[in-house]
Amino acid sequence: MTPQHGTLWTEKFSPQIAEAIKAANNAMAGLPKFLGCTITEISAGRLKAELPVRKDLLTPIGNLHGGVLAGFVDHILGVVLYPLM
């Protein structure tokens, strides 16, 4: 990524904010809680999350439902940017 105003984006990363976001996410209600989204690691430019694949999240033919995957990706991609803002 190119520097913006002389500062690399990784220099703006706040570990304290990242840990607070991780804790808040893992205590969330709503869709992230229903899906079981948990953040296991967060650092500058990296976020690791898990989603348990449960029977109630599968299609009738046994695949993970596309809406589940879309909801998970949407939520996690939103979260990954907060420590950089």
N, C-alpha and C. Protein backbone atom coordinates (compact mmCIF):
# COMPACT_ATOMS: atom_id res chain seq x y z
N MET A 1 0.85 -1.17 0.00
CA MET A 1 0.00 0.00 0.00
C MET A 1 0.90 1.23 0.00
N THR A 2 0.49 2.26 -0.66
CA THR A 2 1.30 3.46 -0.75
C THR A 2 1.10 4.36 0.47
N PRO A 3 2.14 5.09 0.86
CA PRO A 3 2.00 5.99 2.00
C PRO A 3 0.98 7.10 1.72
N GLN A 4 0.27 7.48 2.74
CA GLN A 4 -0.68 8.58 2.63
C GLN A 4 -0.23 9.65 3.63
N HIS A 5 0.06 10.82 3.16
CA HIS A 5 0.54 11.91 4.00
C HIS A 5 1.80 11.51 4.75
N GLY A 6 2.67 10.71 4.12
CA GLY A 6 3.94 10.34 4.71
C GLY A 6 3.87 9.24 5.75
N THR A 7 2.71 8.62 5.95
CA THR A 7 2.57 7.57 6.96
C THR A 7 2.01 6.31 6.32
N LEU A 8 2.65 5.18 6.59
CA LEU A 8 2.12 3.92 6.11
C LEU A 8 0.87 3.57 6.89
N TRP A 9 -0.08 2.90 6.25
CA TRP A 9 -1.33 2.55 6.93
C TRP A 9 -1.08 1.66 8.12
N THR A 10 -0.03 0.83 8.10
CA THR A 10 0.24 -0.05 9.24
C THR A 10 0.70 0.73 10.46
N GLU A 11 1.25 1.92 10.26
CA GLU A 11 1.69 2.74 11.39
C GLU A 11 0.50 3.34 12.14
N LYS A 12 -0.67 3.35 11.53
CA LYS A 12 -1.86 3.90 12.17
C LYS A 12 -2.61 2.84 12.99
N PHE A 13 -2.18 1.60 12.90
CA PHE A 13 -2.85 0.51 13.60
C PHE A 13 -2.72 0.68 15.10
N SER A 14 -3.83 0.48 15.81
CA SER A 14 -3.84 0.59 17.27
C SER A 14 -4.14 -0.78 17.88
N PRO A 15 -3.16 -1.42 18.53
CA PRO A 15 -3.40 -2.71 19.16
C PRO A 15 -4.48 -2.65 20.25
N GLN A 16 -4.55 -1.54 20.97
CA GLN A 16 -5.56 -1.39 22.01
C GLN A 16 -6.97 -1.38 21.42
N ILE A 17 -7.14 -0.64 20.35
CA ILE A 17 -8.44 -0.60 19.68
C ILE A 17 -8.76 -1.97 19.09
N ALA A 18 -7.77 -2.63 18.52
CA ALA A 18 -7.97 -3.95 17.93
C ALA A 18 -8.46 -4.95 18.98
N GLU A 19 -7.83 -4.96 20.15
CA GLU A 19 -8.24 -5.89 21.21
C GLU A 19 -9.64 -5.55 21.72
N ALA A 20 -9.96 -4.26 21.82
CA ALA A 20 -11.30 -3.85 22.26
C ALA A 20 -12.34 -4.30 21.24
N ILE A 21 -12.02 -4.18 19.96
CA ILE A 21 -12.93 -4.62 18.90
C ILE A 21 -13.12 -6.13 18.95
N LYS A 22 -12.04 -6.85 19.16
CA LYS A 22 -12.11 -8.31 19.26
C LYS A 22 -13.02 -8.72 20.42
N ALA A 23 -12.84 -8.11 21.57
CA ALA A 23 -13.68 -8.42 22.73
C ALA A 23 -15.13 -8.05 22.48
N ALA A 24 -15.36 -6.88 21.89
CA ALA A 24 -16.73 -6.43 21.61
C ALA A 24 -17.40 -7.35 20.60
N ASN A 25 -16.67 -7.73 19.55
CA ASN A 25 -17.23 -8.62 18.53
C ASN A 25 -17.63 -9.96 19.14
N ASN A 26 -16.77 -10.51 19.96
CA ASN A 26 -17.05 -11.82 20.54
C ASN A 26 -18.17 -11.77 21.57
N ALA A 27 -18.59 -10.57 21.97
CA ALA A 27 -19.71 -10.42 22.91
C ALA A 27 -20.96 -9.89 22.20
N MET A 28 -20.93 -9.77 20.87
CA MET A 28 -22.04 -9.18 20.11
C MET A 28 -23.30 -10.03 20.13
N ALA A 29 -24.38 -9.35 19.85
CA ALA A 29 -25.67 -10.01 19.66
C ALA A 29 -25.99 -9.99 18.17
N GLY A 30 -27.22 -10.29 17.82
CA GLY A 30 -27.65 -10.20 16.44
C GLY A 30 -27.07 -11.27 15.54
N LEU A 31 -26.87 -10.93 14.28
CA LEU A 31 -26.40 -11.89 13.29
C LEU A 31 -25.05 -12.51 13.62
N PRO A 32 -24.03 -11.71 14.03
CA PRO A 32 -22.75 -12.34 14.37
C PRO A 32 -22.88 -13.39 15.48
N LYS A 33 -23.73 -13.11 16.47
CA LYS A 33 -23.93 -14.09 17.55
C LYS A 33 -24.66 -15.32 17.02
N PHE A 34 -25.71 -15.11 16.24
CA PHE A 34 -26.45 -16.24 15.68
C PHE A 34 -25.55 -17.14 14.85
N LEU A 35 -24.71 -16.51 14.02
CA LEU A 35 -23.81 -17.28 13.17
C LEU A 35 -22.68 -17.93 13.97
N GLY A 36 -22.33 -17.33 15.09
CA GLY A 36 -21.22 -17.84 15.90
C GLY A 36 -19.87 -17.30 15.48
N CYS A 37 -19.86 -16.11 14.85
CA CYS A 37 -18.61 -15.49 14.40
C CYS A 37 -17.73 -15.14 15.60
N THR A 38 -16.50 -15.58 15.58
CA THR A 38 -15.54 -15.16 16.60
C THR A 38 -14.26 -14.72 15.92
N ILE A 39 -13.66 -13.67 16.48
CA ILE A 39 -12.37 -13.20 16.00
C ILE A 39 -11.32 -13.84 16.89
N THR A 40 -10.39 -14.54 16.28
CA THR A 40 -9.36 -15.24 17.05
C THR A 40 -8.03 -14.50 17.05
N GLU A 41 -7.82 -13.63 16.06
CA GLU A 41 -6.56 -12.89 15.97
C GLU A 41 -6.79 -11.61 15.19
N ILE A 42 -6.20 -10.52 15.66
CA ILE A 42 -6.31 -9.26 14.93
C ILE A 42 -4.99 -8.51 15.10
N SER A 43 -4.41 -8.10 13.97
CA SER A 43 -3.16 -7.34 13.97
C SER A 43 -3.18 -6.44 12.74
N ALA A 44 -2.15 -5.65 12.55
CA ALA A 44 -2.10 -4.72 11.43
C ALA A 44 -2.21 -5.47 10.11
N GLY A 45 -3.29 -5.23 9.40
CA GLY A 45 -3.49 -5.84 8.09
C GLY A 45 -3.92 -7.30 8.11
N ARG A 46 -4.26 -7.82 9.28
CA ARG A 46 -4.64 -9.24 9.37
C ARG A 46 -5.74 -9.42 10.43
N LEU A 47 -6.74 -10.20 10.05
CA LEU A 47 -7.79 -10.57 10.98
C LEU A 47 -8.13 -12.02 10.71
N LYS A 48 -8.15 -12.82 11.76
CA LYS A 48 -8.50 -14.23 11.64
C LYS A 48 -9.80 -14.45 12.39
N ALA A 49 -10.77 -15.05 11.74
CA ALA A 49 -12.07 -15.28 12.35
C ALA A 49 -12.53 -16.70 12.07
N GLU A 50 -13.44 -17.16 12.91
CA GLU A 50 -13.98 -18.51 12.76
C GLU A 50 -15.50 -18.46 12.71
N LEU A 51 -16.05 -19.41 12.00
CA LEU A 51 -17.49 -19.60 11.91
C LEU A 51 -17.76 -21.09 11.99
N PRO A 52 -18.37 -21.54 13.08
CA PRO A 52 -18.67 -22.98 13.16
C PRO A 52 -19.76 -23.35 12.15
N VAL A 53 -19.53 -24.40 11.41
CA VAL A 53 -20.51 -24.86 10.43
C VAL A 53 -21.46 -25.82 11.15
N ARG A 54 -22.68 -25.33 11.37
CA ARG A 54 -23.70 -26.11 12.06
C ARG A 54 -24.74 -26.61 11.06
N LYS A 55 -25.43 -27.63 11.46
CA LYS A 55 -26.44 -28.24 10.59
C LYS A 55 -27.51 -27.23 10.18
N ASP A 56 -27.90 -26.33 11.08
CA ASP A 56 -28.95 -25.36 10.76
C ASP A 56 -28.48 -24.26 9.81
N LEU A 57 -27.19 -24.22 9.46
CA LEU A 57 -26.67 -23.24 8.51
C LEU A 57 -26.45 -23.83 7.12
N LEU A 58 -26.84 -25.08 6.95
CA LEU A 58 -26.62 -25.77 5.68
C LEU A 58 -27.86 -25.74 4.80
N THR A 59 -27.64 -25.86 3.51
CA THR A 59 -28.74 -25.99 2.55
C THR A 59 -29.28 -27.42 2.63
N PRO A 60 -30.41 -27.69 2.00
CA PRO A 60 -30.95 -29.06 2.01
C PRO A 60 -30.01 -30.11 1.41
N ILE A 61 -29.07 -29.67 0.57
CA ILE A 61 -28.14 -30.65 -0.01
C ILE A 61 -26.81 -30.73 0.77
N GLY A 62 -26.72 -30.00 1.88
CA GLY A 62 -25.56 -30.13 2.77
C GLY A 62 -24.44 -29.14 2.59
N ASN A 63 -24.64 -28.10 1.78
CA ASN A 63 -23.62 -27.05 1.62
C ASN A 63 -23.90 -25.91 2.58
N LEU A 64 -22.84 -25.18 2.95
CA LEU A 64 -23.04 -23.98 3.74
C LEU A 64 -23.84 -22.99 2.90
N HIS A 65 -24.90 -22.46 3.46
CA HIS A 65 -25.78 -21.54 2.74
C HIS A 65 -25.00 -20.29 2.33
N GLY A 66 -25.20 -19.84 1.10
CA GLY A 66 -24.51 -18.65 0.59
C GLY A 66 -24.79 -17.41 1.40
N GLY A 67 -26.00 -17.28 1.93
CA GLY A 67 -26.34 -16.13 2.76
C GLY A 67 -25.55 -16.11 4.06
N VAL A 68 -25.27 -17.29 4.61
CA VAL A 68 -24.47 -17.40 5.83
C VAL A 68 -23.05 -16.91 5.53
N LEU A 69 -22.49 -17.40 4.44
CA LEU A 69 -21.13 -17.00 4.06
C LEU A 69 -21.08 -15.50 3.76
N ALA A 70 -22.07 -14.99 3.06
CA ALA A 70 -22.10 -13.56 2.73
C ALA A 70 -22.21 -12.71 4.00
N GLY A 71 -23.06 -13.13 4.94
CA GLY A 71 -23.19 -12.40 6.21
C GLY A 71 -21.90 -12.41 7.01
N PHE A 72 -21.24 -13.55 7.04
CA PHE A 72 -19.97 -13.68 7.76
C PHE A 72 -18.91 -12.78 7.14
N VAL A 73 -18.76 -12.84 5.83
CA VAL A 73 -17.76 -12.03 5.13
C VAL A 73 -18.06 -10.54 5.30
N ASP A 74 -19.32 -10.15 5.17
CA ASP A 74 -19.70 -8.75 5.33
C ASP A 74 -19.34 -8.24 6.72
N HIS A 75 -19.66 -9.01 7.73
CA HIS A 75 -19.38 -8.60 9.10
C HIS A 75 -17.87 -8.49 9.35
N ILE A 76 -17.13 -9.52 8.98
CA ILE A 76 -15.69 -9.54 9.26
C ILE A 76 -14.94 -8.47 8.47
N LEU A 77 -15.30 -8.25 7.22
CA LEU A 77 -14.64 -7.20 6.45
C LEU A 77 -14.93 -5.82 7.02
N GLY A 78 -16.11 -5.62 7.57
CA GLY A 78 -16.40 -4.36 8.24
C GLY A 78 -15.53 -4.18 9.48
N VAL A 79 -15.38 -5.24 10.26
CA VAL A 79 -14.61 -5.19 11.50
C VAL A 79 -13.12 -4.96 11.23
N VAL A 80 -12.58 -5.56 10.20
CA VAL A 80 -11.13 -5.51 9.97
C VAL A 80 -10.63 -4.08 9.75
N LEU A 81 -11.46 -3.20 9.27
CA LEU A 81 -11.02 -1.83 8.97
C LEU A 81 -11.05 -0.89 10.17
N TYR A 82 -11.83 -1.18 11.19
CA TYR A 82 -11.98 -0.25 12.31
C TYR A 82 -10.68 0.16 12.99
N PRO A 83 -9.73 -0.76 13.28
CA PRO A 83 -8.49 -0.32 13.94
C PRO A 83 -7.63 0.60 13.08
N LEU A 84 -7.90 0.69 11.79
CA LEU A 84 -7.11 1.54 10.90
C LEU A 84 -7.75 2.91 10.69
N MET A 85 -8.96 3.10 11.13
CA MET A 85 -9.65 4.36 10.90
C MET A 85 -9.38 5.35 12.03
